[in-house]
Amino acid sequence: MLKRPEPEAIKNLCDFLKHLSTLATGSILLLIGFIERVFTTLRFRPLVIISLVAFIVTLMRTARIYRDIVAHQLKDEVEFSKQKDESVYGIDPIFSDWLRIKEQLSKAWSTFVIGLWSLIIFAAINLILK
């Protein structure tokens, strides 16, 4: 049977989320700086839109994951015991929530990588064709 996540694992996950959201925010600022100062004539504008949307979605997903983690931290042991009695197929509902958090984390990382690659390709094309 699965066991409850260790506090250290939860702390590491929260640190990862902070770093990911900081990188996404910094990437948005970098993108805005590119548009304002470096590239006055933009080529491949869809890459800018893809990158900006991906970074914003990353921020929204990291906030949602962090909210879910905080909600689980606020649950007390009585509620955990009550849920344990209501488990289905041997999987405790609290663990299915952690599996959902893991899935959301994967999606947040994926959107960040998409945004990063769009930003890199956009910058490279505009630097080469400048």
N, C-alpha and C. Protein backbone atom coordinates (compact mmCIF):
# COMPACT_ATOMS: atom_id res chain seq x y z
N MET A 1 0.84 -1.19 0.00
CA MET A 1 0.00 0.00 0.00
C MET A 1 0.88 1.25 0.00
N LEU A 2 0.42 2.25 -0.67
CA LEU A 2 1.15 3.51 -0.73
C LEU A 2 1.17 4.17 0.64
N LYS A 3 2.21 4.97 0.87
CA LYS A 3 2.25 5.70 2.13
C LYS A 3 2.22 7.19 1.85
N ARG A 4 1.90 7.93 2.86
CA ARG A 4 1.78 9.39 2.76
C ARG A 4 3.15 10.00 2.43
N PRO A 5 3.18 11.04 1.58
CA PRO A 5 4.46 11.66 1.22
C PRO A 5 5.18 12.23 2.44
N GLU A 6 6.49 12.10 2.43
CA GLU A 6 7.30 12.62 3.53
C GLU A 6 7.31 14.15 3.50
N PRO A 7 7.42 14.77 4.67
CA PRO A 7 7.46 16.24 4.72
C PRO A 7 8.62 16.82 3.89
N GLU A 8 9.74 16.13 3.87
CA GLU A 8 10.89 16.62 3.10
C GLU A 8 10.60 16.61 1.60
N ALA A 9 9.86 15.59 1.15
CA ALA A 9 9.48 15.53 -0.27
C ALA A 9 8.53 16.67 -0.62
N ILE A 10 7.62 16.98 0.27
CA ILE A 10 6.69 18.08 0.05
C ILE A 10 7.44 19.41 0.02
N LYS A 11 8.41 19.57 0.92
CA LYS A 11 9.22 20.80 0.95
C LYS A 11 10.00 20.94 -0.35
N ASN A 12 10.60 19.85 -0.83
CA ASN A 12 11.35 19.90 -2.08
C ASN A 12 10.45 20.24 -3.26
N LEU A 13 9.25 19.69 -3.26
CA LEU A 13 8.30 20.00 -4.33
C LEU A 13 7.92 21.48 -4.31
N CYS A 14 7.69 22.02 -3.13
CA CYS A 14 7.36 23.45 -3.02
C CYS A 14 8.53 24.31 -3.49
N ASP A 15 9.76 23.92 -3.15
CA ASP A 15 10.93 24.66 -3.63
C ASP A 15 11.02 24.60 -5.15
N PHE A 16 10.76 23.44 -5.73
CA PHE A 16 10.79 23.28 -7.18
C PHE A 16 9.74 24.19 -7.84
N LEU A 17 8.56 24.25 -7.24
CA LEU A 17 7.50 25.10 -7.78
C LEU A 17 7.89 26.58 -7.71
N LYS A 18 8.55 26.98 -6.62
CA LYS A 18 9.00 28.37 -6.51
C LYS A 18 10.02 28.69 -7.60
N HIS A 19 10.96 27.78 -7.82
CA HIS A 19 11.98 28.01 -8.84
C HIS A 19 11.37 28.04 -10.24
N LEU A 20 10.44 27.14 -10.51
CA LEU A 20 9.81 27.09 -11.82
C LEU A 20 9.01 28.37 -12.08
N SER A 21 8.28 28.83 -11.08
CA SER A 21 7.50 30.07 -11.28
C SER A 21 8.42 31.28 -11.42
N THR A 22 9.54 31.29 -10.71
CA THR A 22 10.51 32.38 -10.85
C THR A 22 11.11 32.39 -12.25
N LEU A 23 11.46 31.21 -12.76
CA LEU A 23 12.01 31.13 -14.12
C LEU A 23 10.99 31.55 -15.17
N ALA A 24 9.74 31.16 -14.99
CA ALA A 24 8.69 31.54 -15.94
C ALA A 24 8.47 33.06 -15.92
N THR A 25 8.46 33.64 -14.73
CA THR A 25 8.29 35.09 -14.61
C THR A 25 9.47 35.82 -15.25
N GLY A 26 10.68 35.36 -14.97
CA GLY A 26 11.87 35.96 -15.57
C GLY A 26 11.87 35.83 -17.08
N SER A 27 11.39 34.72 -17.59
CA SER A 27 11.32 34.51 -19.03
C SER A 27 10.32 35.46 -19.68
N ILE A 28 9.22 35.73 -19.00
CA ILE A 28 8.26 36.71 -19.52
C ILE A 28 8.90 38.08 -19.58
N LEU A 29 9.63 38.45 -18.55
CA LEU A 29 10.31 39.75 -18.55
C LEU A 29 11.39 39.82 -19.63
N LEU A 30 12.11 38.72 -19.83
CA LEU A 30 13.11 38.66 -20.89
C LEU A 30 12.47 38.81 -22.26
N LEU A 31 11.36 38.14 -22.46
CA LEU A 31 10.64 38.23 -23.72
C LEU A 31 10.17 39.66 -23.98
N ILE A 32 9.64 40.31 -22.96
CA ILE A 32 9.21 41.70 -23.10
C ILE A 32 10.40 42.61 -23.42
N GLY A 33 11.53 42.35 -22.77
CA GLY A 33 12.75 43.11 -23.06
C GLY A 33 13.21 42.93 -24.49
N PHE A 34 13.14 41.68 -24.98
CA PHE A 34 13.50 41.42 -26.38
C PHE A 34 12.61 42.23 -27.32
N ILE A 35 11.34 42.20 -27.06
CA ILE A 35 10.38 42.87 -27.95
C ILE A 35 10.57 44.38 -27.92
N GLU A 36 10.79 44.96 -26.74
CA GLU A 36 10.89 46.41 -26.62
C GLU A 36 12.21 46.97 -27.12
N ARG A 37 13.31 46.33 -26.79
CA ARG A 37 14.61 46.96 -27.00
C ARG A 37 15.45 46.32 -28.09
N VAL A 38 15.46 45.01 -28.16
CA VAL A 38 16.40 44.34 -29.05
C VAL A 38 15.84 44.18 -30.46
N PHE A 39 14.63 43.67 -30.57
CA PHE A 39 14.06 43.38 -31.87
C PHE A 39 12.93 44.36 -32.18
N THR A 40 13.24 45.36 -32.98
CA THR A 40 12.20 46.33 -33.32
C THR A 40 11.28 45.79 -34.41
N THR A 41 11.83 45.01 -35.34
CA THR A 41 11.00 44.33 -36.34
C THR A 41 11.00 42.85 -36.01
N LEU A 42 9.85 42.34 -35.69
CA LEU A 42 9.75 40.94 -35.25
C LEU A 42 9.50 40.01 -36.43
N ARG A 43 10.23 38.92 -36.44
CA ARG A 43 9.97 37.85 -37.39
C ARG A 43 9.46 36.67 -36.58
N PHE A 44 8.55 35.92 -37.16
CA PHE A 44 7.97 34.75 -36.50
C PHE A 44 7.24 35.14 -35.21
N ARG A 45 6.30 36.05 -35.33
CA ARG A 45 5.51 36.51 -34.19
C ARG A 45 4.76 35.39 -33.46
N PRO A 46 4.31 34.34 -34.18
CA PRO A 46 3.62 33.26 -33.44
C PRO A 46 4.48 32.63 -32.34
N LEU A 47 5.80 32.64 -32.53
CA LEU A 47 6.67 32.10 -31.48
C LEU A 47 6.60 32.94 -30.21
N VAL A 48 6.44 34.25 -30.38
CA VAL A 48 6.29 35.14 -29.22
C VAL A 48 5.01 34.81 -28.48
N ILE A 49 3.94 34.62 -29.22
CA ILE A 49 2.64 34.32 -28.61
C ILE A 49 2.69 32.96 -27.91
N ILE A 50 3.26 31.96 -28.59
CA ILE A 50 3.37 30.62 -27.98
C ILE A 50 4.18 30.69 -26.69
N SER A 51 5.29 31.38 -26.74
CA SER A 51 6.16 31.49 -25.57
C SER A 51 5.46 32.20 -24.42
N LEU A 52 4.82 33.32 -24.72
CA LEU A 52 4.14 34.09 -23.68
C LEU A 52 3.00 33.28 -23.05
N VAL A 53 2.20 32.64 -23.88
CA VAL A 53 1.09 31.83 -23.36
C VAL A 53 1.62 30.66 -22.53
N ALA A 54 2.68 30.01 -23.00
CA ALA A 54 3.23 28.88 -22.27
C ALA A 54 3.75 29.29 -20.89
N PHE A 55 4.42 30.43 -20.81
CA PHE A 55 4.92 30.88 -19.52
C PHE A 55 3.79 31.29 -18.58
N ILE A 56 2.75 31.90 -19.11
CA ILE A 56 1.60 32.27 -18.27
C ILE A 56 0.88 31.02 -17.78
N VAL A 57 0.72 30.04 -18.65
CA VAL A 57 0.08 28.78 -18.24
C VAL A 57 0.94 28.08 -17.19
N THR A 58 2.26 28.13 -17.35
CA THR A 58 3.15 27.55 -16.34
C THR A 58 2.93 28.20 -14.98
N LEU A 59 2.82 29.53 -14.97
CA LEU A 59 2.58 30.23 -13.70
C LEU A 59 1.24 29.83 -13.08
N MET A 60 0.21 29.72 -13.92
CA MET A 60 -1.10 29.32 -13.40
C MET A 60 -1.07 27.90 -12.86
N ARG A 61 -0.39 27.00 -13.55
CA ARG A 61 -0.32 25.61 -13.09
C ARG A 61 0.48 25.47 -11.80
N THR A 62 1.60 26.20 -11.70
CA THR A 62 2.38 26.11 -10.46
C THR A 62 1.58 26.66 -9.28
N ALA A 63 0.82 27.72 -9.51
CA ALA A 63 -0.02 28.26 -8.43
C ALA A 63 -1.09 27.25 -8.02
N ARG A 64 -1.67 26.57 -8.99
CA ARG A 64 -2.69 25.57 -8.68
C ARG A 64 -2.11 24.40 -7.90
N ILE A 65 -0.94 23.94 -8.31
CA ILE A 65 -0.30 22.83 -7.60
C ILE A 65 0.03 23.24 -6.17
N TYR A 66 0.58 24.43 -6.01
CA TYR A 66 0.92 24.91 -4.67
C TYR A 66 -0.33 25.02 -3.81
N ARG A 67 -1.43 25.50 -4.40
CA ARG A 67 -2.70 25.59 -3.68
C ARG A 67 -3.16 24.20 -3.22
N ASP A 68 -3.03 23.20 -4.11
CA ASP A 68 -3.43 21.84 -3.76
C ASP A 68 -2.57 21.28 -2.63
N ILE A 69 -1.28 21.58 -2.67
CA ILE A 69 -0.38 21.09 -1.62
C ILE A 69 -0.75 21.71 -0.28
N VAL A 70 -0.99 23.01 -0.29
CA VAL A 70 -1.37 23.69 0.95
C VAL A 70 -2.68 23.13 1.48
N ALA A 71 -3.62 22.85 0.60
CA ALA A 71 -4.90 22.28 1.03
C ALA A 71 -4.69 20.93 1.70
N HIS A 72 -3.78 20.13 1.16
CA HIS A 72 -3.51 18.83 1.78
C HIS A 72 -2.80 18.97 3.11
N GLN A 73 -1.95 19.99 3.23
CA GLN A 73 -1.27 20.21 4.50
C GLN A 73 -2.23 20.62 5.60
N LEU A 74 -3.32 21.25 5.22
CA LEU A 74 -4.29 21.71 6.21
C LEU A 74 -5.22 20.60 6.70
N LYS A 75 -5.23 19.48 5.99
CA LYS A 75 -6.08 18.37 6.43
C LYS A 75 -5.49 17.78 7.71
N ASP A 76 -6.34 17.50 8.64
CA ASP A 76 -5.84 16.93 9.89
C ASP A 76 -5.90 15.40 9.84
N GLU A 77 -5.36 14.77 10.85
CA GLU A 77 -5.28 13.32 10.89
C GLU A 77 -6.65 12.66 10.98
N VAL A 78 -7.62 13.30 11.58
CA VAL A 78 -8.96 12.73 11.67
C VAL A 78 -9.56 12.57 10.29
N GLU A 79 -9.44 13.59 9.47
CA GLU A 79 -9.96 13.51 8.11
C GLU A 79 -9.19 12.46 7.31
N PHE A 80 -7.88 12.36 7.54
CA PHE A 80 -7.06 11.36 6.86
C PHE A 80 -7.52 9.96 7.23
N SER A 81 -7.81 9.74 8.50
CA SER A 81 -8.29 8.43 8.95
C SER A 81 -9.66 8.13 8.36
N LYS A 82 -10.54 9.13 8.28
CA LYS A 82 -11.86 8.92 7.71
C LYS A 82 -11.76 8.56 6.23
N GLN A 83 -10.89 9.24 5.50
CA GLN A 83 -10.70 8.92 4.09
C GLN A 83 -10.12 7.53 3.90
N LYS A 84 -9.26 7.12 4.81
CA LYS A 84 -8.62 5.82 4.70
C LYS A 84 -9.66 4.70 4.75
N ASP A 85 -10.71 4.89 5.52
CA ASP A 85 -11.77 3.89 5.61
C ASP A 85 -12.61 3.84 4.34
N GLU A 86 -12.61 4.91 3.56
CA GLU A 86 -13.43 5.00 2.36
C GLU A 86 -12.65 4.70 1.09
N SER A 87 -11.46 4.09 1.22
CA SER A 87 -10.63 3.86 0.04
C SER A 87 -11.28 2.87 -0.91
N VAL A 88 -10.99 3.07 -2.19
CA VAL A 88 -11.55 2.22 -3.23
C VAL A 88 -10.38 1.59 -3.99
N TYR A 89 -10.47 0.30 -4.26
CA TYR A 89 -9.44 -0.43 -5.00
C TYR A 89 -8.08 -0.35 -4.32
N GLY A 90 -8.06 -0.19 -3.04
CA GLY A 90 -6.81 -0.16 -2.30
C GLY A 90 -6.02 1.14 -2.43
N ILE A 91 -6.55 2.12 -3.11
CA ILE A 91 -5.87 3.41 -3.24
C ILE A 91 -6.63 4.43 -2.42
N ASP A 92 -5.95 5.00 -1.48
CA ASP A 92 -6.54 6.02 -0.62
C ASP A 92 -6.83 7.27 -1.44
N PRO A 93 -7.97 7.93 -1.21
CA PRO A 93 -8.28 9.15 -1.98
C PRO A 93 -7.22 10.23 -1.88
N ILE A 94 -6.55 10.33 -0.73
CA ILE A 94 -5.51 11.35 -0.61
C ILE A 94 -4.35 11.07 -1.56
N PHE A 95 -4.09 9.78 -1.83
CA PHE A 95 -3.01 9.44 -2.75
C PHE A 95 -3.41 9.67 -4.19
N SER A 96 -4.68 9.50 -4.50
CA SER A 96 -5.12 9.83 -5.86
C SER A 96 -4.97 11.33 -6.08
N ASP A 97 -5.16 12.13 -5.02
CA ASP A 97 -4.91 13.57 -5.13
C ASP A 97 -3.43 13.84 -5.40
N TRP A 98 -2.54 13.10 -4.74
CA TRP A 98 -1.10 13.28 -4.98
C TRP A 98 -0.73 12.85 -6.39
N LEU A 99 -1.40 11.82 -6.90
CA LEU A 99 -1.15 11.42 -8.29
C LEU A 99 -1.59 12.52 -9.25
N ARG A 100 -2.69 13.19 -8.94
CA ARG A 100 -3.16 14.31 -9.75
C ARG A 100 -2.18 15.47 -9.68
N ILE A 101 -1.62 15.73 -8.52
CA ILE A 101 -0.62 16.78 -8.36
C ILE A 101 0.61 16.45 -9.20
N LYS A 102 1.01 15.18 -9.20
CA LYS A 102 2.16 14.76 -10.00
C LYS A 102 1.87 14.98 -11.49
N GLU A 103 0.67 14.68 -11.92
CA GLU A 103 0.29 14.90 -13.32
C GLU A 103 0.31 16.39 -13.66
N GLN A 104 -0.21 17.24 -12.77
CA GLN A 104 -0.20 18.68 -12.99
C GLN A 104 1.23 19.23 -13.02
N LEU A 105 2.10 18.67 -12.20
CA LEU A 105 3.50 19.09 -12.20
C LEU A 105 4.16 18.77 -13.53
N SER A 106 3.85 17.61 -14.07
CA SER A 106 4.37 17.23 -15.37
C SER A 106 3.89 18.18 -16.46
N LYS A 107 2.63 18.57 -16.39
CA LYS A 107 2.08 19.51 -17.37
C LYS A 107 2.72 20.89 -17.22
N ALA A 108 2.94 21.33 -15.99
CA ALA A 108 3.58 22.64 -15.77
C ALA A 108 4.99 22.66 -16.34
N TRP A 109 5.73 21.58 -16.11
CA TRP A 109 7.09 21.49 -16.63
C TRP A 109 7.08 21.47 -18.16
N SER A 110 6.14 20.74 -18.73
CA SER A 110 6.04 20.65 -20.19
C SER A 110 5.75 22.02 -20.82
N THR A 111 4.82 22.76 -20.24
CA THR A 111 4.51 24.08 -20.81
C THR A 111 5.69 25.03 -20.65
N PHE A 112 6.43 24.89 -19.56
CA PHE A 112 7.62 25.73 -19.39
C PHE A 112 8.65 25.42 -20.47
N VAL A 113 8.87 24.16 -20.74
CA VAL A 113 9.85 23.76 -21.76
C VAL A 113 9.40 24.24 -23.14
N ILE A 114 8.11 24.13 -23.44
CA ILE A 114 7.60 24.64 -24.72
C ILE A 114 7.85 26.14 -24.84
N GLY A 115 7.56 26.88 -23.78
CA GLY A 115 7.79 28.32 -23.79
C GLY A 115 9.26 28.66 -23.95
N LEU A 116 10.11 27.90 -23.27
CA LEU A 116 11.55 28.15 -23.34
C LEU A 116 12.08 27.90 -24.74
N TRP A 117 11.67 26.80 -25.35
CA TRP A 117 12.12 26.51 -26.72
C TRP A 117 11.58 27.53 -27.70
N SER A 118 10.37 27.96 -27.54
CA SER A 118 9.82 29.00 -28.42
C SER A 118 10.62 30.29 -28.29
N LEU A 119 10.98 30.65 -27.06
CA LEU A 119 11.78 31.85 -26.82
C LEU A 119 13.17 31.72 -27.45
N ILE A 120 13.79 30.56 -27.30
CA ILE A 120 15.12 30.34 -27.86
C ILE A 120 15.09 30.42 -29.39
N ILE A 121 14.11 29.75 -29.99
CA ILE A 121 14.00 29.77 -31.46
C ILE A 121 13.71 31.18 -31.95
N PHE A 122 12.80 31.88 -31.28
CA PHE A 122 12.47 33.26 -31.64
C PHE A 122 13.72 34.14 -31.57
N ALA A 123 14.47 34.06 -30.48
CA ALA A 123 15.66 34.88 -30.33
C ALA A 123 16.72 34.55 -31.37
N ALA A 124 16.92 33.26 -31.63
CA ALA A 124 17.93 32.85 -32.60
C ALA A 124 17.57 33.33 -34.00
N ILE A 125 16.33 33.15 -34.41
CA ILE A 125 15.91 33.58 -35.75
C ILE A 125 16.06 35.08 -35.90
N ASN A 126 15.63 35.82 -34.90
CA ASN A 126 15.68 37.28 -35.00
C ASN A 126 17.11 37.81 -34.90
N LEU A 127 18.00 37.12 -34.20
CA LEU A 127 19.39 37.54 -34.15
C LEU A 127 20.09 37.23 -35.47
N ILE A 128 19.80 36.08 -36.05
CA ILE A 128 20.45 35.70 -37.31
C ILE A 128 19.98 36.58 -38.46
N LEU A 129 18.69 36.88 -38.50
CA LEU A 129 18.12 37.65 -39.60
C LEU A 129 18.15 39.17 -39.37
N LYS A 130 18.77 39.61 -38.31
CA LYS A 130 18.77 41.04 -37.96
C LYS A 130 19.60 41.85 -38.93
